[in-house]
């Protein structure tokens, strides 16, 4: 499996590489059904999902992923007046992650 370390003499992978040091940032305007195809690679990691577009729209994330979901309202609340440095509608919202 990609992103894991296999112990020599064993076919069983051990801890995924950088598991406690790496987050994956995903900007999106739609549901994240595509994550099912990426599950073997992404599931061991923490996901930071930044919703672009309408913050009232519900984004669905498949079960079993460790994630935080942020939208424009969250970014405004967290960054206050500095929130304008994060542009939206161009995937630059990933910079918030």
Protein backbone atom coordinates (compact mmCIF):
# COMPACT_ATOMS: atom_id res chain seq x y z
CA UNK A 1 0.00 0.00 0.00
CA UNK A 2 1.38 3.42 -0.91
CA UNK A 3 2.35 5.69 1.95
CA UNK A 4 3.10 2.91 4.44
CA UNK A 5 6.22 1.30 5.75
CA UNK A 6 6.51 -2.48 5.43
CA UNK A 7 8.58 -4.20 8.08
CA UNK A 8 11.34 -6.31 6.44
CA UNK A 9 10.43 -10.01 6.46
CA UNK A 10 6.74 -9.19 6.81
CA UNK A 11 4.06 -8.57 4.23
CA UNK A 12 2.02 -6.62 6.79
CA UNK A 13 2.44 -2.84 6.56
CA UNK A 14 3.12 -0.87 9.72
CA UNK A 15 2.37 2.78 10.41
CA UNK A 16 1.64 5.02 7.37
CA UNK A 17 4.46 7.44 6.57
CA UNK A 18 4.22 10.79 8.37
CA UNK A 19 0.82 9.83 9.83
CA UNK A 20 1.10 12.23 12.77
CA UNK A 21 2.85 14.96 10.79
CA UNK A 22 0.84 15.20 7.57
CA UNK A 23 -2.62 16.60 6.88
CA UNK A 24 -4.22 16.51 3.44
CA UNK A 25 -6.00 19.72 2.38
CA UNK A 26 -8.90 19.36 -0.06
CA UNK A 27 -10.69 22.41 -1.51
CA UNK A 28 -14.14 21.51 -2.79
CA UNK A 29 -17.54 22.74 -3.95
CA UNK A 30 -19.12 19.28 -4.14
CA UNK A 31 -19.58 16.07 -2.19
CA UNK A 32 -16.46 14.01 -1.67
CA UNK A 33 -17.60 10.66 -3.03
CA UNK A 34 -14.31 10.45 -4.96
CA UNK A 35 -12.58 9.78 -1.63
CA UNK A 36 -13.77 6.19 -1.83
CA UNK A 37 -11.32 5.59 -4.68
CA UNK A 38 -8.52 7.23 -2.67
CA UNK A 39 -9.42 5.55 0.66
CA UNK A 40 -6.32 3.28 0.77
CA UNK A 41 -4.09 6.35 0.49
CA UNK A 42 -6.04 9.05 2.40
CA UNK A 43 -7.81 7.22 5.23
CA UNK A 44 -4.78 7.00 7.55
CA UNK A 45 -4.37 10.78 7.42
CA UNK A 46 -6.24 13.75 8.83
CA UNK A 47 -8.13 15.67 6.12
CA UNK A 48 -8.72 19.41 6.18
CA UNK A 49 -11.62 20.09 3.83
CA UNK A 50 -12.17 23.70 2.78
CA UNK A 51 -15.56 24.29 1.21
CA UNK A 52 -15.57 26.85 -1.55
CA UNK A 53 -18.79 28.52 -2.65
CA UNK A 54 -22.08 28.61 -0.75
CA UNK A 55 -21.40 27.97 2.96
CA UNK A 56 -25.02 26.90 3.53
CA UNK A 57 -24.61 23.90 1.20
CA UNK A 58 -23.95 20.61 2.99
CA UNK A 59 -20.84 18.77 1.83
CA UNK A 60 -21.00 14.99 2.33
CA UNK A 61 -17.85 13.14 3.33
CA UNK A 62 -17.80 9.31 3.22
CA UNK A 63 -17.75 7.65 6.63
CA UNK A 64 -14.49 6.51 8.17
CA UNK A 65 -12.32 9.56 7.43
CA UNK A 66 -10.77 11.77 10.12
CA UNK A 67 -11.51 15.31 8.94
CA UNK A 68 -12.32 18.92 9.74
CA UNK A 69 -14.62 20.85 7.41
CA UNK A 70 -14.31 24.62 7.06
CA UNK A 71 -16.32 27.06 4.94
CA UNK A 72 -16.19 30.83 4.33
CA UNK A 73 -18.10 31.53 7.56
CA UNK A 74 -15.55 29.54 9.59
CA UNK A 75 -12.64 31.30 7.93
CA UNK A 76 -14.19 34.72 8.61
CA UNK A 77 -14.75 33.76 12.26
CA UNK A 78 -11.24 32.35 12.75
CA UNK A 79 -9.22 34.95 10.83
CA UNK A 80 -11.40 38.01 11.41
CA UNK A 81 -10.26 41.01 9.33
CA UNK A 82 -7.41 38.97 7.84
CA UNK A 83 -9.88 36.55 6.19
CA UNK A 84 -9.81 38.61 2.99
CA UNK A 85 -6.34 37.19 2.27
CA UNK A 86 -8.01 33.83 1.50
CA UNK A 87 -9.64 34.09 -1.90
CA UNK A 88 -12.50 31.85 -2.92
CA UNK A 89 -13.85 30.58 -6.25
CA UNK A 90 -10.35 29.72 -7.46
CA UNK A 91 -9.27 26.85 -5.16
CA UNK A 92 -6.91 29.23 -3.35
CA UNK A 93 -9.07 28.55 -0.30
CA UNK A 94 -6.76 25.54 0.19
CA UNK A 95 -4.28 28.06 1.65
CA UNK A 96 -6.44 28.14 4.78
CA UNK A 97 -5.56 24.50 5.41
